[in-house]
Amino acid sequence: MDMVKDFFAAHPSFMIGVIIFIALVIIYFIVKQFIKIALVLLIIALAVGGYFYFKDPDKVKDSLNKVKTGTEEVVDKSKQFYKDGKELIDKGKEVPGQVGKLVKEVKEKNKK
């Protein structure tokens, strides 16, 4: 055990490499489980969708059209929200400069 401890003390870069390797192996197994769960849920969703499609195809098409229009509305609102946020940030960047000018003006007025 002392030899291993001495080796890692003498070669810290090797120890970092081992730690990174172990972390990657752990992350791989965690992600692997999430991928399995996602695939199972996707298969279940496709099975349920297929059932409802065979039961009443017209209703499913109407529902998909509603979802499509709703998604388009959300995308449009999100784009507008992004533009508004960007404008607000740009205005926010200008405020400190304006405050600095006002402070200088007040100091100049107080000196007079």
Protein backbone atom coordinates (compact mmCIF):
# COMPACT_ATOMS: atom_id res chain seq x y z
CA MET A 1 0.00 0.00 0.00
CA ASP A 2 2.89 2.33 0.75
CA MET A 3 4.32 1.71 -2.72
CA VAL A 4 1.06 2.80 -4.35
CA LYS A 5 0.87 5.85 -2.12
CA ASP A 6 4.48 6.77 -2.89
CA PHE A 7 3.93 6.25 -6.64
CA PHE A 8 0.94 8.62 -6.70
CA ALA A 9 2.86 11.12 -4.56
CA ALA A 10 5.73 11.02 -7.05
CA HIS A 11 3.45 11.16 -10.12
CA PRO A 12 0.44 13.39 -9.39
CA SER A 13 -0.44 13.70 -13.10
CA PHE A 14 -0.96 9.94 -13.25
CA MET A 15 -3.25 10.15 -10.21
CA ILE A 16 -5.30 12.88 -11.92
CA GLY A 17 -5.57 10.68 -15.01
CA VAL A 18 -6.85 7.77 -12.95
CA ILE A 19 -9.41 10.00 -11.22
CA ILE A 20 -10.63 11.36 -14.57
CA PHE A 21 -10.89 7.82 -15.96
CA ILE A 22 -12.94 6.66 -12.98
CA ALA A 23 -15.21 9.71 -13.26
CA LEU A 24 -15.76 9.03 -16.98
CA VAL A 25 -16.64 5.39 -16.30
CA ILE A 26 -19.18 6.45 -13.65
CA ILE A 27 -20.68 9.07 -15.98
CA TYR A 28 -20.88 6.49 -18.78
CA PHE A 29 -22.91 4.08 -16.65
CA ILE A 30 -25.24 6.85 -15.45
CA VAL A 31 -25.84 8.12 -19.00
CA LYS A 32 -26.30 4.55 -20.20
CA GLN A 33 -29.17 4.11 -17.73
CA PHE A 34 -30.79 7.40 -18.82
CA ILE A 35 -30.58 6.35 -22.47
CA LYS A 36 -32.28 3.04 -21.66
CA ILE A 37 -35.05 4.83 -19.77
CA ALA A 38 -35.49 7.35 -22.60
CA LEU A 39 -35.76 4.56 -25.18
CA VAL A 40 -38.34 2.68 -23.12
CA LEU A 41 -40.40 5.85 -22.68
CA LEU A 42 -40.14 6.58 -26.41
CA ILE A 43 -41.38 3.09 -27.28
CA ILE A 44 -44.28 3.47 -24.84
CA ALA A 45 -45.18 6.89 -26.30
CA LEU A 46 -45.10 5.49 -29.84
CA ALA A 47 -47.29 2.55 -28.82
CA VAL A 48 -49.86 4.83 -27.17
CA GLY A 49 -49.78 7.20 -30.15
CA GLY A 50 -50.24 4.28 -32.54
CA TYR A 51 -53.19 3.01 -30.53
CA PHE A 52 -54.95 6.37 -30.64
CA TYR A 53 -54.11 6.78 -34.35
CA PHE A 54 -55.70 3.46 -35.26
CA LYS A 55 -58.67 4.20 -33.01
CA ASP A 56 -59.50 7.58 -34.61
CA PRO A 57 -57.03 8.91 -37.24
CA ASP A 58 -58.90 12.18 -37.86
CA LYS A 59 -58.87 13.16 -34.20
CA VAL A 60 -55.13 12.52 -34.00
CA LYS A 61 -54.49 14.69 -37.07
CA ASP A 62 -56.55 17.51 -35.55
CA SER A 63 -54.66 17.19 -32.28
CA LEU A 64 -51.32 17.27 -34.11
CA ASN A 65 -52.37 20.41 -35.99
CA LYS A 66 -53.34 22.07 -32.70
CA VAL A 67 -49.98 21.14 -31.21
CA LYS A 68 -48.20 22.48 -34.29
CA THR A 69 -49.97 25.84 -34.15
CA GLY A 70 -49.41 26.06 -30.40
CA THR A 71 -45.73 25.31 -30.88
CA GLU A 72 -45.44 28.00 -33.55
CA GLU A 73 -47.03 30.52 -31.19
CA VAL A 74 -44.63 29.59 -28.41
CA VAL A 75 -41.65 29.91 -30.77
CA ASP A 76 -42.83 33.34 -31.94
CA LYS A 77 -43.32 34.53 -28.35
CA SER A 78 -39.91 33.14 -27.39
CA LYS A 79 -38.24 35.01 -30.25
CA GLN A 80 -39.96 38.23 -29.21
CA PHE A 81 -38.99 37.62 -25.58
CA TYR A 82 -35.37 37.14 -26.66
CA LYS A 83 -35.40 40.39 -28.68
CA ASP A 84 -36.99 42.31 -25.80
CA GLY A 85 -34.49 40.88 -23.35
CA LYS A 86 -31.59 41.79 -25.63
CA GLU A 87 -32.87 45.37 -25.94
CA LEU A 88 -33.29 45.58 -22.18
CA ILE A 89 -29.73 44.39 -21.63
CA ASP A 90 -28.44 46.96 -24.11
CA LYS A 91 -30.36 49.70 -22.30
CA GLY A 92 -29.04 48.40 -18.99
CA LYS A 93 -25.49 48.77 -20.27
CA GLU A 94 -26.15 52.44 -21.06
CA VAL A 95 -27.56 53.25 -17.59
CA PRO A 96 -24.26 53.29 -15.63
CA GLY A 97 -22.80 55.81 -18.09
CA GLN A 98 -25.86 58.03 -17.75
CA VAL A 99 -25.74 57.79 -13.97
CA GLY A 100 -22.06 58.76 -14.04
CA LYS A 101 -22.87 61.85 -16.14
CA LEU A 102 -25.65 62.85 -13.75
CA VAL A 103 -23.36 62.47 -10.74
CA LYS A 104 -20.71 64.65 -12.41
CA GLU A 105 -23.32 67.30 -13.22
CA VAL A 106 -24.56 67.34 -9.63
CA LYS A 107 -21.01 67.62 -8.28
CA GLU A 108 -20.30 70.51 -10.65
CA LYS A 109 -23.50 72.29 -9.57
CA ASN A 110 -22.61 71.78 -5.90
CA LYS A 111 -19.14 73.26 -6.43
CA LYS A 112 -20.63 76.46 -7.87
